Amino acid sequence: MTSSSTQGIKTVLHPVSDLGKAKAVYAALLGVEPTADESYYVGFDTGGQHIGLVPKGGPQDMASPVAYWHVPDIEAKVAEVTAAGATVKEAAHDVGGGRLVASVVDLDGNVLGLLQDQ
């Protein structure tokens, strides 16, 4: 049994090649306008989830969508999953507003995102 549970997947980031065109598609899909609309990131909040669009995979070099598991203690969760065999892809760091993100790779090469809101 692990010491810290997750709060579920609430954030999914998608790498996109054309941010403007992708924004239109996701706005049509989700039925809402973006809550964040910058040249480096477009985000939508709907149904208790955050869907983000990252041009060309962003600094984390995403090749496919990454689901972010919300956790109360990101450092503890990184320690738990690496002890179980995952490897760190992106160490925990603040992305603004006290939000911490990290990512790990499971034994099959799947990227798992972790997110902690302060």
N, C-alpha and C. Protein backbone atom coordinates (compact mmCIF):
# COMPACT_ATOMS: atom_id res chain seq x y z
N MET A 1 0.85 -1.19 0.00
CA MET A 1 0.00 0.00 0.00
C MET A 1 0.88 1.23 0.00
N THR A 2 0.54 2.20 -0.83
CA THR A 2 1.33 3.42 -0.91
C THR A 2 0.88 4.42 0.15
N SER A 3 1.77 5.36 0.46
CA SER A 3 1.47 6.31 1.52
C SER A 3 0.67 7.51 1.05
N SER A 4 0.68 7.82 -0.23
CA SER A 4 -0.12 8.96 -0.69
C SER A 4 -0.93 8.56 -1.92
N SER A 5 -2.25 8.75 -1.82
CA SER A 5 -3.12 8.39 -2.94
C SER A 5 -3.19 9.54 -3.93
N THR A 6 -3.78 9.28 -5.09
CA THR A 6 -3.95 10.34 -6.08
C THR A 6 -5.36 10.90 -5.96
N GLN A 7 -5.56 12.03 -6.61
CA GLN A 7 -6.88 12.64 -6.69
C GLN A 7 -7.47 12.39 -8.07
N GLY A 8 -6.84 11.49 -8.82
CA GLY A 8 -7.32 11.13 -10.15
C GLY A 8 -6.68 11.96 -11.24
N ILE A 9 -7.02 11.62 -12.47
CA ILE A 9 -6.53 12.36 -13.63
C ILE A 9 -7.47 13.54 -13.85
N LYS A 10 -6.94 14.74 -13.74
CA LYS A 10 -7.74 15.94 -13.95
C LYS A 10 -7.16 16.82 -15.04
N THR A 11 -5.94 16.52 -15.50
CA THR A 11 -5.27 17.34 -16.51
C THR A 11 -4.69 16.44 -17.58
N VAL A 12 -4.93 16.76 -18.84
CA VAL A 12 -4.33 16.04 -19.95
C VAL A 12 -3.77 17.09 -20.92
N LEU A 13 -2.46 16.96 -21.21
CA LEU A 13 -1.81 17.87 -22.15
C LEU A 13 -1.59 17.15 -23.48
N HIS A 14 -1.86 17.86 -24.56
CA HIS A 14 -1.72 17.32 -25.90
C HIS A 14 -0.70 18.13 -26.69
N PRO A 15 0.32 17.47 -27.26
CA PRO A 15 1.23 18.20 -28.15
C PRO A 15 0.51 18.45 -29.47
N VAL A 16 0.67 19.66 -30.03
CA VAL A 16 0.01 19.99 -31.29
C VAL A 16 1.00 20.67 -32.22
N SER A 17 0.82 20.48 -33.52
CA SER A 17 1.74 21.07 -34.50
C SER A 17 1.31 22.49 -34.88
N ASP A 18 0.01 22.79 -34.84
CA ASP A 18 -0.49 24.11 -35.19
C ASP A 18 -1.46 24.54 -34.09
N LEU A 19 -0.99 25.42 -33.21
CA LEU A 19 -1.78 25.79 -32.03
C LEU A 19 -3.11 26.45 -32.41
N GLY A 20 -3.11 27.32 -33.41
CA GLY A 20 -4.35 27.99 -33.82
C GLY A 20 -5.40 27.03 -34.33
N LYS A 21 -5.00 26.12 -35.19
CA LYS A 21 -5.94 25.14 -35.74
C LYS A 21 -6.41 24.18 -34.66
N ALA A 22 -5.48 23.75 -33.79
CA ALA A 22 -5.85 22.83 -32.71
C ALA A 22 -6.82 23.50 -31.74
N LYS A 23 -6.59 24.78 -31.44
CA LYS A 23 -7.48 25.51 -30.54
C LYS A 23 -8.91 25.48 -31.07
N ALA A 24 -9.08 25.68 -32.38
CA ALA A 24 -10.42 25.66 -32.97
C ALA A 24 -11.06 24.28 -32.83
N VAL A 25 -10.30 23.23 -33.07
CA VAL A 25 -10.83 21.87 -32.97
C VAL A 25 -11.25 21.55 -31.54
N TYR A 26 -10.38 21.87 -30.58
CA TYR A 26 -10.69 21.55 -29.18
C TYR A 26 -11.83 22.42 -28.64
N ALA A 27 -11.92 23.67 -29.08
CA ALA A 27 -13.05 24.52 -28.67
C ALA A 27 -14.36 23.93 -29.18
N ALA A 28 -14.35 23.42 -30.42
CA ALA A 28 -15.55 22.79 -30.98
C ALA A 28 -15.87 21.50 -30.24
N LEU A 29 -14.84 20.71 -29.95
CA LEU A 29 -15.05 19.44 -29.24
C LEU A 29 -15.61 19.67 -27.84
N LEU A 30 -15.00 20.59 -27.10
CA LEU A 30 -15.35 20.80 -25.70
C LEU A 30 -16.54 21.74 -25.50
N GLY A 31 -16.84 22.55 -26.51
CA GLY A 31 -17.96 23.47 -26.41
C GLY A 31 -17.71 24.67 -25.51
N VAL A 32 -16.44 24.98 -25.27
CA VAL A 32 -16.07 26.14 -24.44
C VAL A 32 -14.88 26.85 -25.07
N GLU A 33 -14.72 28.11 -24.71
CA GLU A 33 -13.56 28.88 -25.14
C GLU A 33 -12.40 28.60 -24.18
N PRO A 34 -11.17 28.83 -24.60
CA PRO A 34 -10.01 28.59 -23.73
C PRO A 34 -10.02 29.50 -22.51
N THR A 35 -9.53 28.99 -21.39
CA THR A 35 -9.34 29.80 -20.18
C THR A 35 -7.92 30.35 -20.12
N ALA A 36 -7.03 29.75 -20.90
CA ALA A 36 -5.65 30.25 -21.06
C ALA A 36 -5.38 30.24 -22.56
N ASP A 37 -4.89 31.35 -23.08
CA ASP A 37 -4.67 31.44 -24.53
C ASP A 37 -3.41 32.26 -24.79
N GLU A 38 -2.28 31.56 -24.82
CA GLU A 38 -0.98 32.18 -25.04
C GLU A 38 -0.31 31.53 -26.24
N SER A 39 0.77 32.12 -26.71
CA SER A 39 1.48 31.55 -27.87
C SER A 39 2.17 30.24 -27.53
N TYR A 40 2.41 29.98 -26.25
CA TYR A 40 3.10 28.77 -25.80
C TYR A 40 2.18 27.74 -25.15
N TYR A 41 0.87 28.08 -24.99
CA TYR A 41 -0.03 27.17 -24.29
C TYR A 41 -1.46 27.65 -24.44
N VAL A 42 -2.37 26.73 -24.72
CA VAL A 42 -3.81 27.02 -24.70
C VAL A 42 -4.45 25.98 -23.79
N GLY A 43 -5.26 26.44 -22.85
CA GLY A 43 -5.90 25.53 -21.91
C GLY A 43 -7.40 25.73 -21.83
N PHE A 44 -8.10 24.64 -21.65
CA PHE A 44 -9.56 24.63 -21.52
C PHE A 44 -9.93 23.98 -20.20
N ASP A 45 -10.91 24.54 -19.50
CA ASP A 45 -11.44 23.93 -18.29
C ASP A 45 -12.90 23.58 -18.53
N THR A 46 -13.22 22.31 -18.38
CA THR A 46 -14.58 21.86 -18.58
C THR A 46 -14.81 20.53 -17.85
N GLY A 47 -15.94 20.40 -17.25
CA GLY A 47 -16.31 19.15 -16.59
C GLY A 47 -15.33 18.71 -15.52
N GLY A 48 -14.72 19.66 -14.82
CA GLY A 48 -13.77 19.30 -13.76
C GLY A 48 -12.41 18.86 -14.28
N GLN A 49 -12.17 19.04 -15.56
CA GLN A 49 -10.88 18.65 -16.15
C GLN A 49 -10.25 19.84 -16.84
N HIS A 50 -8.92 19.78 -16.97
CA HIS A 50 -8.17 20.78 -17.71
C HIS A 50 -7.53 20.08 -18.91
N ILE A 51 -7.80 20.61 -20.09
CA ILE A 51 -7.21 20.08 -21.32
C ILE A 51 -6.27 21.15 -21.85
N GLY A 52 -4.99 20.80 -22.01
CA GLY A 52 -4.01 21.76 -22.46
C GLY A 52 -3.42 21.38 -23.80
N LEU A 53 -3.12 22.40 -24.61
CA LEU A 53 -2.49 22.22 -25.91
C LEU A 53 -1.11 22.84 -25.85
N VAL A 54 -0.10 22.05 -26.19
CA VAL A 54 1.30 22.47 -26.09
C VAL A 54 1.92 22.42 -27.48
N PRO A 55 2.30 23.58 -28.04
CA PRO A 55 2.86 23.57 -29.39
C PRO A 55 4.16 22.79 -29.48
N LYS A 56 4.21 21.90 -30.45
CA LYS A 56 5.41 21.10 -30.73
C LYS A 56 5.95 20.36 -29.51
N GLY A 57 5.08 19.99 -28.59
CA GLY A 57 5.48 19.20 -27.42
C GLY A 57 6.11 19.99 -26.30
N GLY A 58 6.30 21.29 -26.50
CA GLY A 58 6.83 22.15 -25.45
C GLY A 58 8.21 21.76 -24.97
N PRO A 59 8.65 22.38 -23.89
CA PRO A 59 9.98 22.09 -23.35
C PRO A 59 10.13 20.66 -22.83
N GLN A 60 9.00 20.02 -22.52
CA GLN A 60 9.06 18.63 -22.04
C GLN A 60 9.13 17.64 -23.19
N ASP A 61 9.10 18.14 -24.43
CA ASP A 61 9.26 17.33 -25.64
C ASP A 61 8.26 16.17 -25.70
N MET A 62 6.99 16.47 -25.47
CA MET A 62 5.95 15.44 -25.51
C MET A 62 5.76 14.94 -26.93
N ALA A 63 5.68 13.63 -27.08
CA ALA A 63 5.43 13.01 -28.38
C ALA A 63 3.99 12.52 -28.49
N SER A 64 3.30 12.45 -27.36
CA SER A 64 1.91 12.01 -27.32
C SER A 64 1.25 12.66 -26.11
N PRO A 65 -0.08 12.58 -26.01
CA PRO A 65 -0.75 13.18 -24.85
C PRO A 65 -0.22 12.60 -23.53
N VAL A 66 -0.20 13.44 -22.51
CA VAL A 66 0.23 13.02 -21.18
C VAL A 66 -0.88 13.34 -20.20
N ALA A 67 -1.33 12.32 -19.49
CA ALA A 67 -2.34 12.48 -18.44
C ALA A 67 -1.61 12.80 -17.13
N TYR A 68 -2.10 13.79 -16.42
CA TYR A 68 -1.49 14.21 -15.16
C TYR A 68 -2.36 13.79 -13.99
N TRP A 69 -1.80 12.95 -13.14
CA TRP A 69 -2.45 12.50 -11.92
C TRP A 69 -2.22 13.58 -10.87
N HIS A 70 -3.30 14.07 -10.27
CA HIS A 70 -3.19 15.08 -9.23
C HIS A 70 -2.90 14.38 -7.91
N VAL A 71 -1.88 14.86 -7.23
CA VAL A 71 -1.42 14.24 -5.98
C VAL A 71 -1.24 15.30 -4.91
N PRO A 72 -1.38 14.92 -3.63
CA PRO A 72 -1.20 15.90 -2.55
C PRO A 72 0.28 16.19 -2.25
N ASP A 73 1.17 15.24 -2.55
CA ASP A 73 2.60 15.41 -2.25
C ASP A 73 3.41 14.82 -3.40
N ILE A 74 3.83 15.69 -4.31
CA ILE A 74 4.49 15.24 -5.54
C ILE A 74 5.82 14.54 -5.26
N GLU A 75 6.60 15.06 -4.33
CA GLU A 75 7.90 14.44 -4.02
C GLU A 75 7.71 13.03 -3.47
N ALA A 76 6.73 12.86 -2.60
CA ALA A 76 6.45 11.53 -2.05
C ALA A 76 6.00 10.56 -3.14
N LYS A 77 5.16 11.05 -4.06
CA LYS A 77 4.65 10.18 -5.12
C LYS A 77 5.76 9.81 -6.09
N VAL A 78 6.63 10.76 -6.44
CA VAL A 78 7.77 10.44 -7.31
C VAL A 78 8.64 9.37 -6.64
N ALA A 79 8.89 9.52 -5.35
CA ALA A 79 9.70 8.53 -4.62
C ALA A 79 9.03 7.15 -4.64
N GLU A 80 7.72 7.12 -4.45
CA GLU A 80 7.00 5.84 -4.43
C GLU A 80 7.04 5.14 -5.78
N VAL A 81 6.77 5.88 -6.86
CA VAL A 81 6.72 5.22 -8.16
C VAL A 81 8.11 4.85 -8.68
N THR A 82 9.13 5.63 -8.33
CA THR A 82 10.48 5.25 -8.75
C THR A 82 10.97 4.05 -7.94
N ALA A 83 10.57 3.97 -6.68
CA ALA A 83 10.92 2.79 -5.88
C ALA A 83 10.27 1.54 -6.45
N ALA A 84 9.13 1.73 -7.12
CA ALA A 84 8.41 0.60 -7.71
C ALA A 84 8.92 0.26 -9.11
N GLY A 85 9.86 1.06 -9.66
CA GLY A 85 10.46 0.72 -10.94
C GLY A 85 10.36 1.77 -12.03
N ALA A 86 9.58 2.84 -11.82
CA ALA A 86 9.50 3.91 -12.82
C ALA A 86 10.79 4.73 -12.80
N THR A 87 11.04 5.46 -13.88
CA THR A 87 12.20 6.35 -13.93
C THR A 87 11.71 7.79 -14.13
N VAL A 88 12.46 8.73 -13.59
CA VAL A 88 12.08 10.14 -13.69
C VAL A 88 12.40 10.65 -15.10
N LYS A 89 11.40 11.25 -15.74
CA LYS A 89 11.59 11.90 -17.04
C LYS A 89 11.79 13.39 -16.83
N GLU A 90 10.97 13.97 -15.98
CA GLU A 90 11.00 15.40 -15.69
C GLU A 90 10.85 15.58 -14.18
N ALA A 91 11.89 16.08 -13.52
CA ALA A 91 11.85 16.27 -12.06
C ALA A 91 10.79 17.30 -11.69
N ALA A 92 10.29 17.20 -10.48
CA ALA A 92 9.27 18.13 -10.00
C ALA A 92 9.79 19.56 -10.06
N HIS A 93 8.96 20.45 -10.62
CA HIS A 93 9.32 21.86 -10.68
C HIS A 93 8.06 22.71 -10.74
N ASP A 94 8.19 23.95 -10.33
CA ASP A 94 7.08 24.90 -10.30
C ASP A 94 6.86 25.47 -11.70
N VAL A 95 5.62 25.41 -12.18
CA VAL A 95 5.30 25.96 -13.49
C VAL A 95 4.48 27.25 -13.36
N GLY A 96 4.42 27.79 -12.17
CA GLY A 96 3.72 29.05 -11.92
C GLY A 96 2.54 28.88 -11.00
N GLY A 97 2.33 29.88 -10.19
CA GLY A 97 1.19 29.85 -9.28
C GLY A 97 1.26 28.78 -8.21
N GLY A 98 2.47 28.29 -7.93
CA GLY A 98 2.61 27.23 -6.93
C GLY A 98 2.27 25.85 -7.44
N ARG A 99 1.99 25.70 -8.72
CA ARG A 99 1.68 24.39 -9.30
C ARG A 99 2.98 23.67 -9.60
N LEU A 100 3.11 22.46 -9.08
CA LEU A 100 4.29 21.63 -9.31
C LEU A 100 3.93 20.51 -10.27
N VAL A 101 4.80 20.24 -11.23
CA VAL A 101 4.59 19.11 -12.14
C VAL A 101 5.87 18.28 -12.23
N ALA A 102 5.68 17.02 -12.54
CA ALA A 102 6.79 16.09 -12.77
C ALA A 102 6.25 15.02 -13.70
N SER A 103 7.16 14.25 -14.29
CA SER A 103 6.71 13.10 -15.06
C SER A 103 7.69 11.96 -14.87
N VAL A 104 7.15 10.76 -14.95
CA VAL A 104 7.93 9.54 -14.83
C VAL A 104 7.57 8.63 -15.99
N VAL A 105 8.41 7.64 -16.24
CA VAL A 105 8.17 6.68 -17.31
C VAL A 105 8.01 5.31 -16.66
N ASP A 106 6.91 4.63 -16.98
CA ASP A 106 6.70 3.30 -16.39
C ASP A 106 7.56 2.27 -17.11
N LEU A 107 7.44 1.03 -16.71
CA LEU A 107 8.28 -0.05 -17.24
C LEU A 107 8.05 -0.33 -18.72
N ASP A 108 6.91 0.15 -19.26
CA ASP A 108 6.60 -0.07 -20.67
C ASP A 108 6.83 1.17 -21.53
N GLY A 109 7.40 2.21 -20.95
CA GLY A 109 7.70 3.43 -21.70
C GLY A 109 6.59 4.47 -21.72
N ASN A 110 5.52 4.23 -20.98
CA ASN A 110 4.42 5.20 -20.90
C ASN A 110 4.81 6.35 -19.98
N VAL A 111 4.53 7.57 -20.42
CA VAL A 111 4.82 8.75 -19.61
C VAL A 111 3.61 9.01 -18.71
N LEU A 112 3.88 9.15 -17.40
CA LEU A 112 2.84 9.44 -16.41
C LEU A 112 3.14 10.80 -15.81
N GLY A 113 2.20 11.73 -15.93
CA GLY A 113 2.39 13.05 -15.36
C GLY A 113 1.88 13.08 -13.93
N LEU A 114 2.55 13.89 -13.12
CA LEU A 114 2.13 14.12 -11.73
C LEU A 114 1.98 15.62 -11.55
N LEU A 115 0.96 16.04 -10.81
CA LEU A 115 0.69 17.45 -10.61
C LEU A 115 0.25 17.69 -9.18
N GLN A 116 0.83 18.71 -8.56
CA GLN A 116 0.43 19.11 -7.20
C GLN A 116 0.12 20.59 -7.20
N ASP A 117 -1.09 20.94 -6.77
CA ASP A 117 -1.44 22.35 -6.58
C ASP A 117 -1.18 22.71 -5.13
N GLN A 118 -0.57 23.86 -4.94
CA GLN A 118 -0.26 24.32 -3.58
C GLN A 118 -1.46 24.98 -2.97
